[in-house]
C-alpha cells in the first residue's frame, strides 16, 4: 500500500503523491497540482480557478445544471456555522470556513479546481470520483430502509427504500446535514466540501480516529493520503472496508478510467 508521506510530498515538484502529472483528458494541463504537505499554505479559490486547464471535454453532460449551481449565502452560512465533532479546532475554524463551492465549469474542471484548492493530486480525485459516482452528480448511494437516515427529498427506489449519500463524492446526509441539499445540487460544493474534510484528515486533525491501524499499516497521523482516502469510505483507519476501497481507487487511478472509451 502506497503511503503519501510528508517526505514524498515535499520532494515532488509536480504530479502529487506518486509523481503523477496533472493533465486533463484532452492532453492539456498545468502540471502543478501537487499534493501539498501538512501545514502548507493552500491556494485561494481565485488562484485555482486561474490554474484550471479549461477544456470542452465533458463526459457527463447530465451534470450541466449541477455544474453551474453554486451555494447561496444562506446555505454557506448554515454549513460554516455547523461543526465537525471530535476534531482539532482548526478543522472548523480554518478549513470548514474555506468551503465555498464558488466555481462553475465542466465536471473535470470542477475536480481540478477543488484538487488545487485543497492541495491534492488531481488524478487521485478523478479516480475516487469514478469509484464513488462514475462522475455523475446525480448519483445516489447507501440505500436503506431506515427512514431516520433519509434526507428531506431523498431519492427513493420505492416507499421504503431511499438513499443516504449523494453527488460526485457521495456525501452522506447523516453526517453532513447542514450541507443538504446543496451537497446534492452543486457539483462544486460537493467536491469542495469533501476535500475540505480530506485536508482535515491529511493534516492530522481527526482526533477520534483509532491510534492503531490494521496490521501492517501505519497509525493515524498527518501526511497519509491513502489512509484518508480509505477513511472517507469506511470511517476507520486502514480497516478492511478502507483497504478494499483504497485498492479500488488505486486500480481506477492506475488505469486512468476517466480516459477510457467506455467511461
Protein backbone atom coordinates (compact mmCIF):
# COMPACT_ATOMS: atom_id res chain seq x y z
CA UNK A 1 0.00 0.00 0.00
CA UNK A 2 1.43 3.35 -1.06
CA UNK A 3 1.62 6.00 1.60
CA UNK A 4 1.95 9.62 0.52
CA UNK A 5 4.31 10.62 3.30
CA UNK A 6 5.40 14.13 4.16
CA UNK A 7 8.87 13.45 2.77
CA UNK A 8 7.49 12.19 -0.53
CA UNK A 9 5.11 15.11 -0.90
CA UNK A 10 7.82 17.67 -0.21
CA UNK A 11 10.15 16.07 -2.71
CA UNK A 12 7.69 16.11 -5.60
CA UNK A 13 7.79 19.15 -7.83
CA UNK A 14 4.79 18.14 -9.94
CA UNK A 15 2.14 15.50 -10.06
CA UNK A 16 1.40 14.94 -6.38
CA UNK A 17 1.67 11.71 -4.44
CA UNK A 18 3.32 9.06 -6.61
CA UNK A 19 4.76 11.56 -9.06
CA UNK A 20 1.73 11.65 -11.40
CA UNK A 21 1.39 14.63 -13.72
CA UNK A 22 -1.76 16.71 -13.74
CA UNK A 23 -3.33 16.51 -17.16
CA UNK A 24 -6.81 16.94 -18.48
CA UNK A 25 -8.30 14.18 -20.63
CA UNK A 26 -7.69 16.24 -23.78
CA UNK A 27 -3.94 16.19 -23.02
CA UNK A 28 -3.71 19.73 -21.65
CA UNK A 29 -2.78 20.59 -18.10
CA UNK A 30 -0.74 22.85 -15.89
CA UNK A 31 1.40 20.17 -14.24
CA UNK A 32 1.22 21.98 -10.92
CA UNK A 33 -1.40 20.04 -8.94
CA UNK A 34 0.96 18.51 -6.40
CA UNK A 35 -0.14 17.04 -3.09
CA UNK A 36 0.87 19.76 -0.67
CA UNK A 37 2.28 18.55 2.67
CA UNK A 38 0.58 19.21 6.01
CA UNK A 39 0.99 22.79 7.16
CA UNK A 40 1.15 24.19 3.63
CA UNK A 41 -0.45 27.48 2.68
CA UNK A 42 -3.31 26.46 0.41
CA UNK A 43 -4.18 28.29 -2.81
CA UNK A 44 -7.26 30.50 -2.95
CA UNK A 45 -10.44 29.90 -4.93
CA UNK A 46 -9.40 32.52 -7.46
CA UNK A 47 -5.84 31.26 -7.86
CA UNK A 48 -7.07 27.73 -8.52
CA UNK A 49 -9.68 28.96 -10.98
CA UNK A 50 -6.86 30.56 -12.96
CA UNK A 51 -4.85 27.32 -12.91
CA UNK A 52 -7.59 25.05 -14.22
CA UNK A 53 -6.86 23.58 -17.65
CA UNK A 54 -10.01 24.60 -19.49
CA UNK A 55 -11.41 22.12 -21.98
CA UNK A 56 -14.65 21.47 -23.83
CA UNK A 57 -14.39 17.79 -22.85
CA UNK A 58 -17.45 16.79 -20.82
CA UNK A 59 -18.24 13.09 -20.48
CA UNK A 60 -21.18 13.92 -18.20
CA UNK A 61 -23.49 16.42 -19.92
CA UNK A 62 -26.15 15.36 -17.41
CA UNK A 63 -24.16 17.32 -14.79
CA UNK A 64 -24.72 20.64 -16.59
CA UNK A 65 -27.22 22.12 -14.13
CA UNK A 66 -25.34 20.92 -11.04
CA UNK A 67 -22.04 22.14 -12.51
CA UNK A 68 -23.50 25.65 -12.85
CA UNK A 69 -25.15 25.67 -9.41
CA UNK A 70 -23.42 27.41 -6.51
CA UNK A 71 -24.36 27.63 -2.85
CA UNK A 72 -26.40 30.58 -1.68
CA UNK A 73 -25.16 32.79 1.13
CA UNK A 74 -27.71 31.21 3.47
CA UNK A 75 -26.55 27.70 2.56
CA UNK A 76 -22.92 28.65 3.14
CA UNK A 77 -23.74 30.25 6.48
CA UNK A 78 -25.62 27.14 7.59
CA UNK A 79 -22.71 24.90 6.66
CA UNK A 80 -19.98 27.10 8.11
CA UNK A 81 -21.78 27.70 11.39
CA UNK A 82 -22.06 23.96 11.97
CA UNK A 83 -19.13 21.94 13.33
CA UNK A 84 -17.40 18.65 12.73
CA UNK A 85 -17.11 16.80 16.02
CA UNK A 86 -14.00 15.26 17.55
CA UNK A 87 -11.52 17.29 15.54
CA UNK A 88 -8.77 19.82 16.15
CA UNK A 89 -10.36 23.28 16.32
CA UNK A 90 -8.55 24.32 13.14
CA UNK A 91 -10.62 21.87 11.12
CA UNK A 92 -13.68 24.00 11.87
CA UNK A 93 -12.27 27.50 12.30
CA UNK A 94 -9.99 27.38 9.25
CA UNK A 95 -10.74 24.52 6.87
CA UNK A 96 -14.54 24.35 7.09
CA UNK A 97 -14.71 28.11 6.60
CA UNK A 98 -12.83 27.78 3.28
CA UNK A 99 -15.57 25.63 1.72
CA UNK A 100 -17.41 27.77 -0.83
CA UNK A 101 -18.26 25.75 -3.92
CA UNK A 102 -17.61 29.01 -5.76
CA UNK A 103 -16.70 27.64 -9.17
CA UNK A 104 -18.51 26.50 -12.29
CA UNK A 105 -17.29 24.63 -15.33
CA UNK A 106 -17.17 21.13 -16.75
CA UNK A 107 -17.08 18.19 -14.38
CA UNK A 108 -13.34 17.77 -14.88
CA UNK A 109 -12.67 21.49 -14.43
CA UNK A 110 -14.50 21.36 -11.10
CA UNK A 111 -12.41 18.38 -9.99
CA UNK A 112 -9.23 20.24 -11.00
CA UNK A 113 -10.29 23.38 -9.13
CA UNK A 114 -11.09 21.56 -5.89
CA UNK A 115 -7.95 19.40 -6.07
CA UNK A 116 -5.86 22.56 -6.49
CA UNK A 117 -7.69 24.40 -3.69
CA UNK A 118 -7.13 21.65 -1.15
CA UNK A 119 -3.66 20.62 -2.33
CA UNK A 120 -4.29 17.10 -3.64
CA UNK A 121 -3.20 15.12 -6.69
CA UNK A 122 -5.98 15.75 -9.21
CA UNK A 123 -5.75 12.24 -10.67
CA UNK A 124 -6.45 10.70 -7.26
CA UNK A 125 -9.62 12.81 -7.06
CA UNK A 126 -10.59 11.85 -10.60
CA UNK A 127 -10.15 8.18 -9.70
CA UNK A 128 -12.08 8.48 -6.46
CA UNK A 129 -14.95 10.31 -8.15
CA UNK A 130 -15.08 7.49 -10.68
CA UNK A 131 -15.21 4.98 -7.82
CA UNK A 132 -17.95 6.85 -5.96
CA UNK A 133 -20.27 8.01 -8.73
CA UNK A 134 -18.69 7.37 -12.14
CA UNK A 135 -18.65 11.20 -12.24
CA UNK A 136 -22.44 11.60 -12.08
CA UNK A 137 -23.50 14.31 -9.64
CA UNK A 138 -26.99 12.77 -9.70
CA UNK A 139 -25.64 9.50 -8.27
CA UNK A 140 -27.22 8.31 -5.03
CA UNK A 141 -25.91 5.58 -2.74
CA UNK A 142 -26.26 3.80 0.59
CA UNK A 143 -29.81 2.56 0.12
CA UNK A 144 -31.58 1.99 3.44
CA UNK A 145 -35.00 1.17 4.82
CA UNK A 146 -34.32 3.24 7.96
CA UNK A 147 -36.34 6.39 7.34
CA UNK A 148 -34.44 8.30 10.04
CA UNK A 149 -31.42 8.20 7.73
CA UNK A 150 -33.24 9.70 4.74
CA UNK A 151 -32.63 13.35 3.95
CA UNK A 152 -35.63 15.56 3.14
CA UNK A 153 -36.47 14.97 -0.51
CA UNK A 154 -34.40 11.81 -0.66
CA UNK A 155 -34.11 9.82 -3.88
CA UNK A 156 -36.03 6.58 -3.33
CA UNK A 157 -36.46 3.26 -5.09
CA UNK A 158 -39.90 2.85 -3.54
CA UNK A 159 -41.78 3.98 -0.44
CA UNK A 160 -39.50 2.04 1.90
CA UNK A 161 -36.07 2.20 0.23
CA UNK A 162 -34.28 5.55 -0.02
CA UNK A 163 -30.69 6.74 -0.42
CA UNK A 164 -28.42 8.44 2.13
CA UNK A 165 -25.43 9.60 0.03
CA UNK A 166 -25.32 11.96 -2.95
CA UNK A 167 -23.11 13.57 -5.53
CA UNK A 168 -19.76 13.13 -7.18
CA UNK A 169 -18.01 12.13 -3.93
CA UNK A 170 -21.12 10.74 -2.20
CA UNK A 171 -21.62 12.96 0.83
CA UNK A 172 -23.75 11.12 3.37
CA UNK A 173 -26.61 13.20 4.76
CA UNK A 174 -26.49 11.56 8.20
CA UNK A 175 -23.12 13.16 8.94
CA UNK A 176 -23.46 16.29 6.76
CA UNK A 177 -27.00 17.50 7.43
CA UNK A 178 -26.05 21.19 7.33
CA UNK A 179 -24.70 20.69 3.78
CA UNK A 180 -28.07 19.49 2.49
CA UNK A 181 -29.41 19.94 -0.17
CA UNK A 182 -26.55 21.88 -1.79
CA UNK A 183 -24.25 18.84 -1.47
CA UNK A 184 -26.66 17.11 -3.85
CA UNK A 185 -27.45 20.08 -6.07
CA UNK A 186 -23.98 21.56 -6.68
CA UNK A 187 -21.05 19.59 -8.06
CA UNK A 188 -18.54 22.22 -6.96
CA UNK A 189 -19.86 22.34 -3.40
CA UNK A 190 -19.93 18.55 -3.17
CA UNK A 191 -16.28 18.14 -4.19
CA UNK A 192 -15.11 21.24 -2.29
CA UNK A 193 -16.68 20.12 0.99
CA UNK A 194 -15.49 16.52 0.69
CA UNK A 195 -11.92 17.62 0.02
CA UNK A 196 -12.08 20.06 2.92
CA UNK A 197 -12.63 17.04 5.13
CA UNK A 198 -9.84 15.25 3.28
CA UNK A 199 -7.45 18.07 4.14
CA UNK A 200 -8.54 17.94 7.81
CA UNK A 201 -7.71 14.24 7.82
CA UNK A 202 -4.42 14.81 5.99
CA UNK A 203 -3.39 17.48 8.48
CA UNK A 204 -3.87 15.01 11.34
CA UNK A 205 -6.86 16.88 12.76
CA UNK A 206 -9.30 13.96 13.16
CA UNK A 207 -8.86 13.27 16.84
CA UNK A 208 -11.31 10.39 17.12
CA UNK A 209 -9.57 8.12 14.61
CA UNK A 210 -8.14 5.00 16.19
CA UNK A 211 -4.48 5.27 17.10
CA UNK A 212 -3.90 1.75 15.81
CA UNK A 213 -4.38 0.78 12.19
CA UNK A 214 -4.71 -2.72 10.87
CA UNK A 215 -1.66 -4.95 10.99
CA UNK A 216 0.95 -3.81 8.52
CA UNK A 217 -0.38 -0.25 8.24
CA UNK A 218 0.66 2.94 9.96
CA UNK A 219 -1.25 4.52 12.82
CA UNK A 220 -3.24 7.65 12.08
CA UNK A 221 -1.20 10.81 11.68
CA UNK A 222 -0.64 13.69 9.28
CA UNK A 223 0.53 13.17 5.72
CA UNK A 224 -1.09 9.83 4.85
CA UNK A 225 -3.12 10.46 1.71
CA UNK A 226 -4.27 6.90 1.11
CA UNK A 227 -5.30 6.40 4.70
CA UNK A 228 -7.52 9.47 4.35
CA UNK A 229 -8.97 8.19 1.07
CA UNK A 230 -9.98 4.98 2.84
CA UNK A 231 -11.30 6.86 5.85
CA UNK A 232 -13.81 8.67 3.64
CA UNK A 233 -15.36 5.33 2.76
CA UNK A 234 -15.25 3.33 5.99
CA UNK A 235 -14.88 5.97 8.69
CA UNK A 236 -11.98 3.96 10.11
CA UNK A 237 -8.25 3.80 9.64
CA UNK A 238 -6.99 1.03 7.35
CA UNK A 239 -9.78 -1.30 8.41
CA UNK A 240 -10.96 -3.95 5.95
CA UNK A 241 -13.51 -1.68 4.32
CA UNK A 242 -10.97 1.10 3.89
CA UNK A 243 -8.26 -1.09 2.41
CA UNK A 244 -10.67 -2.66 -0.08
CA UNK A 245 -11.88 0.79 -1.12
CA UNK A 246 -8.32 2.11 -1.44
CA UNK A 247 -7.46 -0.79 -3.73
CA UNK A 248 -10.42 0.04 -5.97
CA UNK A 249 -9.49 3.71 -6.18
CA UNK A 250 -5.87 2.83 -6.91
CA UNK A 251 -6.97 0.42 -9.64
CA UNK A 252 -9.06 3.18 -11.23
CA UNK A 253 -6.11 5.54 -10.85
CA UNK A 254 -3.57 3.23 -12.48
CA UNK A 255 -5.99 2.53 -15.33
CA UNK A 256 -6.99 6.19 -15.70
CA UNK A 257 -10.55 5.01 -16.20
CA UNK A 258 -11.83 8.53 -16.89
CA UNK A 259 -9.87 8.41 -20.16
CA UNK A 260 -11.39 5.10 -21.28
CA UNK A 261 -13.73 4.84 -24.24
CA UNK A 262 -16.42 3.27 -22.03
CA UNK A 263 -16.34 6.00 -19.37
